Amino acid sequence: MGAAGVEETLKDFWASRPRRPQGGRKVAGVAAGIAERYRLDPVIVRVALVALALCDGAGVLVYLAGWLLLAQVGDEVSPLEALVGRGRSSTPTPVTVLLGLAVLPTSGLLFNGGFALVSGLALALGSVYLLHSSRGAENRPVPTAPVRRDLGAARAAGSDQEVGVDERGTAEPVRPPAWDPLGAAPFAWDLPEPGAGRATAVAERPEAAVPRGRRRSRVGPLTFGAMMVVLAGSIVAAEHDPWFTPPHVLGLLVGVLGLGMLVGAVTGGGGKGLMWLAVPLSAVGVLASAAGFQDFRDFDGPAGSITAAPVSAGELEPSYEFGAGEVTLDLVGLPEGETARTTVRLGAGTIRVKVPRNADVVATCHTNVGVVTCLDQERQGRQQTVTVDENGPDGPGGLRVELDLRTSLGEVAVTRG
C-alpha cells in the first residue's frame, strides 16, 4: 500500500473514530468504545492497554489521548474539540483541562524517554492502523448533529390554519386535503390524502430478514492481545535478565503468532490474517540476529544531538549516552599536559571526535552495524571494533586523550585536527 492509501486510511479512521459508550465502561469508556467500534471483546482491549502501560507508561498516554479525542455517545464532538468551540460535549471543561495537563508531561517523556516508551506508542499506532484497515467498514458510528428548533407561532397571524412541526423542527401549517380545498367539512380536516393509507401500509411492511454473515473468529484478536502482553513483559524482563535480547523477544512474538495460526487452522476459526504480522516480524528478527543487537538498552536514553568543544579536561563530560542522534566532540582546544577521558554510547546515529594533531590517543571504536574510522584505520560491516594506541607526530608526551566510543547502528569516526 502506498502513501496515498495510508493517508486515506488515517483520514477514514479520524472521520469514523470510535465513540465512548455510556454503559459497560470502567473509567472513560475508551477501551469499550474501541471494542464496540471494531467488534472486539473489551477485555482484549483493556489487556492490551495494561500491557502498553508497562512500556514506560505508553498505555496511559494512549488512554488519556483517547479520552480527549473520542466523543461520547450522544455528544456532538470530543472533549478537546468542545474546548476550542467546535461543538458540544458532556465532559466538563475543567475535566478536559486537567486531562490536557496530564497529557502534556506524559507526552514530554517522548523526547527524554527510552526504547520502551517509543516502541509502545509505535506498536499502539500500528495496531490501530491494522485494525482499521481490516475492520474499518464495520459498525461505523453515526455522528450526532445539532438539533434545530425553530418553532413558529401556534397559529399563523390572520389565518385559521393550524401550525405543526415537521421532522426538521421547522413550523409548517397543516393544510386541508387537496380534495377539500375549502376545508368546509370540519370532520375531514384531519383526514389523510387519498392513497396515504396504502402508502403507509406499504412502508410499514416488514422487510425480509437479512441473513447474518459468518461470525468473525476471535482467534486473531486473542492472539494479537497475547502477543502484546508477551512484548510488554519481555521489555520489562529485559531490565533484569540478559536472555531477553531483541532477537529472542522477536522469536517469542513469532512463536505466539504461529501458535495462533495453528489454533485457527485446527479449529477452522480463522487466524490467516496473522501471517501479515508473522512474516515481517520474522524478517526483522533475522536481521536483528545478524546485526548482533543483543540488548534493548542499546537504544535506551533520549534522542537528540550534542556538539561540544571543551577547552579543558574538566569541561569534557565523563560520558555521553543517547538512544539516537549525533554526538560531535571537538577536542582540538584542549591544552597540553592534561589527560582527557570520555565514553560515548549511542543506539543509532553518528559519533564524531576530533583530537589535536599532536595528542597521544588511546581509543576503542565499535559498531554493531555500520562504519568505523579510527584515525588511519577504517572498517565497515557488522560487529566492527578498532582499537588504537597512537602517539602524535611529536612523540609521546603532552596531551593524552582516552576514548571509548560505541554505537549499535551507525558510524564512529576519530580524526586529527
Foldseek 3Di string as FASTA:
>chain_A
DDPVVLVVLVVLCLVQPFAAEPPPDDPQRLLVRVCLQQVHDSVLSVLLLVLLCLLVHLSVLVVLVSQQAHAHVPFQGGNVCVLVPPGGGPDDVVVNVVSVVVNVVVVVCQQWFFDSNVVSNVVVVVVVSVSCVVRVVPPGDDHDDDQDADEDDQADPPDPFGWDADPNNYIDTQAFEPVCRVCPDVVRRPPDYPPPVVVVVVVPDDDDDDDDDDDAFNLQSVLVSVLSNLLSVLLVCLVPDLVSFLLVNLVVSLVSLVVSVVVCVVVVRDSPVSVVVNVVSVVVSVVCVLLVRRGSCLQGTGEEEDEEEDQELVVDDQEAEHNYYEYEYEDQNHWKPEEHHHEYRYAAYEYEYEHAQQEFEWEKEWEQAAWEAEEPDIDGGGTDIDTDGGGHPVDDGIYYYYYYYYYHYYYYHYYYD
